[in-house]
Amino acid sequence: MKNTIFNPRRWRRAAALLLASVAGAAQAGGGVIPSSIALVSAGAAHGGMLIEPAAPLVSAPQAPLQLSPTMPLPAPLRTDVRPVTLAQLEDQLRRPELQASIGKGTIAVVYPNVEEPFRSAFIAMIQGIEERTKLKVRSYPVDPKVDTAELNATLKRNGTKVVIALGRQGLNATAGLDREIAVLAGGVLLLSDAENVMGISMTPDPAMLFSRLRALLPELKRVIVVYNPQKSEWLVKLAREAAKAQGLELQAHVAGDLARAAQLYPQLIAAADNRHDAVWLPHDSTTVEESTILPLVLRESWNSGVPLFSSNVLHVKKGALFAMVPDNVELGRTLAASALGVIAGDVRRRALVPLRELQTAINLRTASHIGLNLGALQQRSFDFVYPQP
């Protein structure tokens, strides 16, 4: 194999090119560079990055490389950082996503500073974002009383062009950001199109729910739902289209308060056909109130044998037939793809969309109760099975 001769001038030129590309961000808080192409200097704690040649290099000079008095001394290498060769560095410089991030701004994530188990969900979303961008993104955990002006100043200093706001708390923290910083929402329940927010709601796409429902119960003809228009009108509009596409009728009933919902459910379930009708529980805190309405609906559904499915996976543990739960890593990837589109110049207004990055949970006891016997192969098509063995 042909030996590679170390050329200090060529190395410095390549390193200088990278450093020049991130100079603006590095001076004000650090460039966004994948750890696979960077060695972190002592200045990295303050946002600076130092690129150094990997050792050993074939036929490299025996004398150590002399550092300028103004250059920071390298800190001990992090365990998650690998040295790279000059050829690898130059290849990295050509990567479109790196050029886009360096040249047009960076992606940041703002998420709630919460404890487990909720924290893990947001960390999984961030993992998906980084997997899609192939870049380490800046993440900012925020408290309910976050100083939005300080957050805005920090994001601007770091050259942020797009913020992915996770959770309601994360979204609220972005309310005071400058208009030139685009905001994409994710991991937020009960968003409505009236909020004028781009992003992905955490409520499952009705098309995905109805498709799974059809696969489980092919004789089904009608879906019954009780909803509060102030919270779920946008979702019910989507559900009407989704039901029609599946050859189903959506029978939607309005309940503006808890008392009306409690009155409607027993009447509707009593009149339902347990072979052709099913009841859907959307994410609606009025009509699917947890302490009163949910136990009522579960009891009526069990006694009548009318299938009950939900947008909330916790309801499966309590007796709903099935529900869909977010795939947080996949959600992060989708949000990242949208953020990269914004950085690339795609400024078209995106509407709020329901969640399609989903996993499915099934309650086998409920399935058996309504005469649905799922074999081992069918059970493996579900991500979560209850009751757990």
Protein backbone atom coordinates (compact mmCIF):
# COMPACT_ATOMS: atom_id res chain seq x y z
CA MET A 1 0.00 0.00 0.00
CA LYS A 2 1.29 3.45 -0.89
CA ASN A 3 2.57 5.37 2.10
CA THR A 4 0.95 8.69 2.91
CA ILE A 5 3.47 11.47 3.55
CA PHE A 6 2.38 13.91 6.23
CA ASN A 7 2.12 17.40 4.73
CA PRO A 8 1.74 20.02 7.46
CA ARG A 9 0.72 22.71 4.98
CA ARG A 10 -2.01 20.52 3.49
CA TRP A 11 -3.21 19.58 6.96
CA ARG A 12 -3.30 23.16 8.16
CA ARG A 13 -5.16 24.22 5.02
CA ALA A 14 -7.87 21.57 5.52
CA ALA A 15 -8.17 22.31 9.23
CA ALA A 16 -8.28 26.03 8.56
CA LEU A 17 -11.09 25.51 6.08
CA LEU A 18 -13.17 23.71 8.67
CA LEU A 19 -12.36 26.21 11.41
CA ALA A 20 -13.16 29.11 9.12
CA SER A 21 -16.51 27.54 8.29
CA VAL A 22 -17.51 27.38 11.94
CA ALA A 23 -15.70 30.50 13.12
CA GLY A 24 -18.84 32.55 13.65
CA ALA A 25 -20.50 29.87 15.70
CA ALA A 26 -17.31 28.86 17.53
CA GLN A 27 -16.62 32.39 18.71
CA ALA A 28 -20.12 32.73 20.06
CA GLY A 29 -20.75 29.33 21.54
CA GLY A 30 -19.30 26.63 19.32
CA GLY A 31 -19.77 25.09 15.91
CA VAL A 32 -21.86 22.00 15.45
CA ILE A 33 -19.39 19.32 14.37
CA PRO A 34 -19.86 15.56 14.64
CA SER A 35 -17.69 14.07 17.35
CA SER A 36 -16.31 11.63 14.77
CA ILE A 37 -14.37 14.44 13.08
CA ALA A 38 -13.31 16.54 16.06
CA LEU A 39 -10.93 16.40 18.99
CA VAL A 40 -12.11 18.57 21.83
CA SER A 41 -9.63 21.14 23.14
CA ALA A 42 -9.53 22.73 26.53
CA GLY A 43 -11.55 25.54 24.98
CA ALA A 44 -14.37 23.17 24.04
CA ALA A 45 -16.00 23.71 27.39
CA HIS A 46 -16.54 27.27 26.24
CA GLY A 47 -17.66 26.27 22.76
CA GLY A 48 -14.37 26.24 20.81
CA MET A 49 -13.26 23.26 18.74
CA LEU A 50 -9.70 22.24 17.88
CA ILE A 51 -8.93 19.90 14.99
CA GLU A 52 -5.65 18.00 15.28
CA PRO A 53 -4.01 15.39 13.02
CA ALA A 54 -4.44 11.80 14.10
CA ALA A 55 -1.37 9.94 15.29
CA PRO A 56 0.47 7.99 14.20
CA LEU A 57 0.72 9.02 10.54
CA VAL A 58 2.93 7.04 8.16
CA SER A 59 6.25 8.79 7.54
CA ALA A 60 5.29 11.62 9.87
CA PRO A 61 8.10 13.91 11.06
CA GLN A 62 9.86 12.70 14.17
CA ALA A 63 9.89 16.11 15.79
CA PRO A 64 6.68 17.06 17.60
CA LEU A 65 4.41 19.61 15.96
CA GLN A 66 5.11 23.06 17.39
CA LEU A 67 2.05 24.91 18.62
CA SER A 68 1.65 28.63 18.41
CA PRO A 69 1.70 30.39 21.81
CA THR A 70 -1.85 31.57 21.08
CA MET A 71 -3.19 28.08 20.43
CA PRO A 72 -5.02 26.34 23.30
CA LEU A 73 -3.35 23.26 24.69
CA PRO A 74 -5.28 20.08 23.95
CA ALA A 75 -7.25 18.56 26.78
CA PRO A 76 -7.36 14.79 27.40
CA LEU A 77 -9.37 13.06 24.69
CA ARG A 78 -12.98 12.24 25.39
CA THR A 79 -13.89 8.58 25.21
CA ASP A 80 -16.58 9.29 22.58
CA VAL A 81 -14.19 11.08 20.21
CA ARG A 82 -12.12 9.24 17.62
CA PRO A 83 -9.10 10.78 15.89
CA VAL A 84 -9.38 11.04 12.12
CA THR A 85 -6.99 11.06 9.22
CA LEU A 86 -6.61 14.00 6.88
CA ALA A 87 -8.49 12.17 4.12
CA GLN A 88 -11.37 11.49 6.51
CA LEU A 89 -11.44 15.12 7.55
CA GLU A 90 -11.64 16.28 3.95
CA ASP A 91 -14.42 13.76 3.25
CA GLN A 92 -16.36 15.09 6.22
CA LEU A 93 -15.97 18.64 4.94
CA ARG A 94 -17.79 17.63 1.76
CA ARG A 95 -20.84 16.19 3.55
CA PRO A 96 -23.97 18.11 2.45
CA GLU A 97 -25.61 18.07 5.86
CA LEU A 98 -22.47 19.43 7.52
CA GLN A 99 -22.12 22.17 4.93
CA ALA A 100 -25.79 23.06 5.33
CA SER A 101 -25.54 23.19 9.12
CA ILE A 102 -22.32 25.19 9.15
CA GLY A 103 -23.24 27.50 6.31
CA LYS A 104 -26.89 28.21 7.05
CA GLY A 105 -27.31 27.80 10.77
CA THR A 106 -27.72 25.13 13.39
CA ILE A 107 -30.53 23.06 14.87
CA ALA A 108 -31.27 23.31 18.58
CA VAL A 109 -33.63 21.31 20.78
CA VAL A 110 -35.55 22.79 23.70
CA TYR A 111 -37.17 20.23 26.00
CA PRO A 112 -38.66 20.09 29.52
CA ASN A 113 -36.29 19.63 32.42
CA VAL A 114 -38.29 16.77 33.95
CA GLU A 115 -37.58 13.58 35.84
CA GLU A 116 -37.94 10.00 34.66
CA PRO A 117 -39.82 8.33 33.08
CA PHE A 118 -40.74 11.39 31.00
CA ARG A 119 -37.14 12.48 30.52
CA SER A 120 -36.27 9.26 28.69
CA ALA A 121 -38.95 9.95 26.08
CA PHE A 122 -37.43 13.33 25.23
CA ILE A 123 -33.90 11.93 25.22
CA ALA A 124 -35.05 9.28 22.73
CA MET A 125 -36.47 12.01 20.49
CA ILE A 126 -33.14 13.86 20.63
CA GLN A 127 -31.38 10.60 19.74
CA GLY A 128 -33.57 10.33 16.64
CA ILE A 129 -32.84 13.94 15.70
CA GLU A 130 -29.08 13.34 15.87
CA GLU A 131 -29.33 10.07 13.95
CA ARG A 132 -31.15 11.85 11.11
CA THR A 133 -28.93 14.94 10.96
CA LYS A 134 -25.69 12.99 11.55
CA LEU A 135 -24.75 15.94 13.75
CA LYS A 136 -24.60 16.63 17.46
CA VAL A 137 -27.38 19.10 18.18
CA ARG A 138 -27.46 21.60 21.00
CA SER A 139 -30.04 20.64 23.63
CA TYR A 140 -31.48 22.99 26.23
CA PRO A 141 -33.53 21.56 29.13
CA VAL A 142 -35.88 24.28 30.36
CA ASP A 143 -37.88 24.82 33.53
CA PRO A 144 -41.44 26.25 33.62
CA LYS A 145 -40.12 29.69 34.58
CA VAL A 146 -37.34 29.81 32.00
CA ASP A 147 -35.97 33.24 31.10
CA THR A 148 -37.12 33.38 27.47
CA ALA A 149 -35.07 36.50 26.75
CA GLU A 150 -31.90 34.78 27.92
CA LEU A 151 -32.79 31.65 25.92
CA ASN A 152 -33.37 33.78 22.83
CA ALA A 153 -30.00 35.51 23.26
CA THR A 154 -28.20 32.18 23.70
CA LEU A 155 -29.79 30.68 20.60
CA LYS A 156 -28.92 33.74 18.52
CA ARG A 157 -25.32 33.72 19.74
CA ASN A 158 -25.00 30.10 18.69
CA GLY A 159 -26.31 30.77 15.20
CA THR A 160 -29.51 28.77 15.66
CA LYS A 161 -31.89 28.83 12.71
CA VAL A 162 -34.33 26.12 13.74
CA VAL A 163 -35.54 25.12 17.21
CA ILE A 164 -37.26 21.78 17.73
CA ALA A 165 -39.47 22.36 20.77
CA LEU A 166 -40.38 19.16 22.62
CA GLY A 167 -43.26 18.96 25.06
CA ARG A 168 -45.64 21.72 26.08
CA GLN A 169 -43.01 23.20 28.38
CA GLY A 170 -40.46 23.29 25.59
CA LEU A 171 -42.96 24.88 23.22
CA ASN A 172 -43.95 27.54 25.76
CA ALA A 173 -40.28 28.45 26.20
CA THR A 174 -40.04 29.37 22.51
CA ALA A 175 -42.87 31.91 22.66
CA GLY A 176 -40.45 34.83 23.01
CA LEU A 177 -37.96 33.85 20.30
CA ASP A 178 -37.12 36.15 17.42
CA ARG A 179 -39.18 35.53 14.30
CA GLU A 180 -36.12 34.59 12.23
CA ILE A 181 -35.72 31.45 14.40
CA ALA A 182 -38.13 28.81 13.07
CA VAL A 183 -39.89 26.60 15.62
CA LEU A 184 -41.02 23.02 15.04
CA ALA A 185 -43.15 21.44 17.78
CA GLY A 186 -43.03 17.79 18.75
CA GLY A 187 -44.04 15.64 21.70
CA VAL A 188 -46.98 17.92 22.56
CA LEU A 189 -50.49 16.64 23.19
CA LEU A 190 -53.72 18.41 22.30
CA LEU A 191 -52.23 20.87 19.85
CA SER A 192 -54.88 22.38 17.61
CA ASP A 193 -54.50 24.16 14.31
CA ALA A 194 -55.72 27.33 16.08
CA GLU A 195 -52.35 27.54 17.82
CA ASN A 196 -50.67 28.32 14.50
CA VAL A 197 -47.77 25.98 15.21
CA MET A 198 -45.74 23.88 12.78
CA GLY A 199 -44.90 20.39 13.91
CA ILE A 200 -46.21 16.99 14.92
CA SER A 201 -48.87 16.47 17.55
CA MET A 202 -48.49 13.52 19.90
CA THR A 203 -51.99 12.34 19.10
CA PRO A 204 -51.94 9.34 16.73
CA ASP A 205 -53.05 9.78 13.15
CA PRO A 206 -56.63 8.43 12.86
CA ALA A 207 -55.65 6.82 9.55
CA MET A 208 -53.13 4.64 11.38
CA LEU A 209 -55.63 3.75 14.12
CA PHE A 210 -58.43 2.87 11.70
CA SER A 211 -56.11 0.82 9.52
CA ARG A 212 -55.10 -1.30 12.51
CA LEU A 213 -58.74 -1.51 13.61
CA ARG A 214 -59.75 -2.79 10.17
CA ALA A 215 -57.00 -5.42 10.23
CA LEU A 216 -58.18 -6.70 13.62
CA LEU A 217 -61.93 -6.50 12.96
CA PRO A 218 -62.58 -6.75 9.21
CA GLU A 219 -66.39 -6.85 9.68
CA LEU A 220 -66.41 -3.46 11.37
CA LYS A 221 -68.55 -0.76 9.72
CA ARG A 222 -68.76 2.16 12.12
CA VAL A 223 -66.57 4.09 14.58
CA ILE A 224 -68.26 6.03 17.39
CA VAL A 225 -66.47 8.98 19.00
CA VAL A 226 -67.49 11.60 21.57
CA TYR A 227 -65.44 14.81 21.42
CA ASN A 228 -65.20 18.44 22.47
CA PRO A 229 -64.92 20.63 19.33
CA GLN A 230 -62.81 23.21 21.15
CA LYS A 231 -60.09 20.59 21.59
CA SER A 232 -60.54 17.99 18.89
CA GLU A 233 -62.34 19.49 15.89
CA TRP A 234 -59.17 19.42 13.76
CA LEU A 235 -58.62 15.76 14.62
CA VAL A 236 -62.20 14.73 13.90
CA LYS A 237 -61.95 16.36 10.46
CA LEU A 238 -58.97 14.14 9.73
CA ALA A 239 -60.80 11.15 11.21
CA ARG A 240 -63.77 11.60 8.86
CA GLU A 241 -61.46 11.37 5.85
CA ALA A 242 -59.53 8.45 7.35
CA ALA A 243 -62.72 6.52 8.09
CA LYS A 244 -64.02 7.05 4.56
CA ALA A 245 -60.74 5.75 3.13
CA GLN A 246 -61.15 2.57 5.20
CA GLY A 247 -64.78 2.08 4.19
CA LEU A 248 -65.97 3.06 7.67
CA GLU A 249 -68.60 5.48 8.92
CA LEU A 250 -67.49 7.93 11.60
CA GLN A 251 -70.33 8.74 13.98
CA ALA A 252 -69.12 11.80 15.89
CA HIS A 253 -71.03 13.21 18.88
CA VAL A 254 -70.33 16.57 20.49
CA ALA A 255 -69.94 16.93 24.26
CA GLY A 256 -68.88 20.33 25.52
CA ASP A 257 -68.52 19.21 29.12
CA LEU A 258 -68.00 16.14 31.27
CA ALA A 259 -71.69 15.81 32.20
CA ARG A 260 -72.75 15.57 28.57
CA ALA A 261 -70.05 12.98 27.86
CA ALA A 262 -71.18 10.88 30.84
CA GLN A 263 -74.74 11.01 29.48
CA LEU A 264 -73.81 10.10 25.89
CA TYR A 265 -71.55 7.10 26.35
CA PRO A 266 -74.04 4.67 27.97
CA GLN A 267 -76.69 5.56 25.36
CA LEU A 268 -74.35 5.12 22.40
CA ILE A 269 -72.78 1.87 23.62
CA ALA A 270 -76.18 0.37 24.49
CA ALA A 271 -77.39 1.08 20.94
CA ALA A 272 -74.19 -0.19 19.28
CA ASP A 273 -73.78 -3.46 17.41
CA ASN A 274 -70.83 -5.30 18.95
CA ARG A 275 -69.99 -6.97 15.62
CA HIS A 276 -70.01 -3.85 13.44
CA ASP A 277 -69.40 -0.92 15.80
CA ALA A 278 -66.40 0.22 17.87
CA VAL A 279 -65.82 3.15 20.22
CA TRP A 280 -62.74 5.36 19.82
CA LEU A 281 -61.26 7.34 22.73
CA PRO A 282 -59.23 10.26 21.34
CA HIS A 283 -56.89 12.52 23.32
CA ASP A 284 -59.63 14.77 24.70
CA SER A 285 -59.54 15.71 28.36
CA THR A 286 -63.25 16.59 28.37
CA THR A 287 -64.74 13.45 26.86
CA VAL A 288 -62.06 11.01 28.02
CA GLU A 289 -61.64 12.30 31.56
CA GLU A 290 -59.62 9.74 33.48
CA SER A 291 -61.26 9.52 36.90
CA THR A 292 -64.95 9.41 35.93
CA ILE A 293 -65.50 8.97 32.20
CA LEU A 294 -62.84 6.34 31.48
CA PRO A 295 -64.03 3.82 34.12
CA LEU A 296 -67.61 4.34 32.91
CA VAL A 297 -66.72 3.66 29.26
CA LEU A 298 -64.53 0.67 30.09
CA ARG A 299 -67.34 -0.89 32.14
CA GLU A 300 -70.02 -0.28 29.48
CA SER A 301 -67.76 -1.60 26.74
CA TRP A 302 -66.86 -4.76 28.67
CA ASN A 303 -70.46 -5.54 29.58
CA SER A 304 -71.76 -5.03 26.04
CA GLY A 305 -68.84 -6.56 24.16
CA VAL A 306 -68.47 -3.44 21.98
CA PRO A 307 -64.78 -3.04 21.03
CA LEU A 308 -63.07 -0.02 22.56
CA PHE A 309 -59.79 1.36 21.22
CA SER A 310 -57.84 4.43 22.23
CA SER A 311 -55.23 7.01 21.29
CA ASN A 312 -53.72 6.58 24.77
CA VAL A 313 -51.62 3.47 25.42
CA LEU A 314 -52.31 3.62 29.17
CA HIS A 315 -55.92 2.73 28.44
CA VAL A 316 -54.83 -0.64 27.05
CA LYS A 317 -53.49 -1.63 30.44
CA LYS A 318 -56.90 -0.78 31.91
CA GLY A 319 -58.94 -2.75 29.37
CA ALA A 320 -59.11 -1.03 25.96
CA LEU A 321 -58.55 -3.45 23.08
CA PHE A 322 -55.62 -1.61 21.53
CA ALA A 323 -53.93 1.76 21.30
CA MET A 324 -51.00 3.38 19.60
CA VAL A 325 -47.98 4.86 21.33
CA PRO A 326 -45.29 7.20 19.97
CA ASP A 327 -42.06 5.75 18.61
CA ASN A 328 -39.94 8.52 20.08
CA VAL A 329 -36.76 7.84 18.12
CA GLU A 330 -38.65 7.79 14.81
CA LEU A 331 -40.47 10.97 15.81
CA GLY A 332 -37.10 12.62 16.37
CA ARG A 333 -35.93 11.56 12.91
CA THR A 334 -39.03 13.02 11.28
CA LEU A 335 -38.70 16.31 13.15
CA ALA A 336 -35.04 16.49 12.13
CA ALA A 337 -35.95 15.96 8.47
CA SER A 338 -38.34 18.91 8.69
CA ALA A 339 -35.68 21.05 10.40
CA LEU A 340 -33.14 20.22 7.69
CA GLY A 341 -35.74 21.25 5.12
CA VAL A 342 -36.09 24.64 6.78
CA ILE A 343 -32.30 25.11 6.83
CA ALA A 344 -32.16 24.14 3.15
CA GLY A 345 -34.59 26.94 2.33
CA ASP A 346 -37.93 25.16 2.39
CA VAL A 347 -40.00 27.96 3.90
CA ARG A 348 -43.43 26.66 2.95
CA ARG A 349 -45.87 26.82 5.83
CA ARG A 350 -46.35 23.37 7.31
CA ALA A 351 -49.60 22.59 9.07
CA LEU A 352 -49.84 20.76 12.34
CA VAL A 353 -49.97 17.05 11.61
CA PRO A 354 -50.89 14.03 13.75
CA LEU A 355 -48.33 11.46 14.76
CA ARG A 356 -47.52 8.66 12.31
CA GLU A 357 -44.36 7.35 14.02
CA LEU A 358 -46.20 4.83 16.12
CA GLN A 359 -46.04 1.51 17.90
CA THR A 360 -49.07 -0.58 18.89
CA ALA A 361 -50.21 -2.16 22.16
CA ILE A 362 -52.85 -4.90 22.49
CA ASN A 363 -54.80 -6.28 25.46
CA LEU A 364 -55.13 -10.04 24.91
CA ARG A 365 -57.65 -10.49 27.72
CA THR A 366 -59.98 -7.93 26.16
CA ALA A 367 -59.44 -9.44 22.71
CA SER A 368 -60.44 -12.87 23.99
CA HIS A 369 -63.46 -11.38 25.78
CA ILE A 370 -64.90 -10.03 22.52
CA GLY A 371 -64.16 -13.27 20.66
CA LEU A 372 -60.92 -12.16 18.99
CA ASN A 373 -58.33 -14.91 19.40
CA LEU A 374 -54.87 -13.82 18.28
CA GLY A 375 -52.30 -16.46 17.46
CA ALA A 376 -48.61 -16.20 18.28
CA LEU A 377 -47.79 -14.76 14.85
CA GLN A 378 -50.43 -12.03 15.17
CA GLN A 379 -49.26 -11.20 18.67
CA ARG A 380 -45.75 -10.61 17.38
CA SER A 381 -47.09 -7.87 15.13
CA PHE A 382 -47.70 -5.77 18.24
CA ASP A 383 -44.97 -3.86 20.04
CA PHE A 384 -46.53 -4.20 23.50
CA VAL A 385 -48.77 -6.99 24.79
CA TYR A 386 -50.94 -6.82 27.94
CA PRO A 387 -51.43 -8.39 30.37
CA GLN A 388 -47.72 -8.96 30.41
CA PRO A 389 -46.66 -12.63 30.76
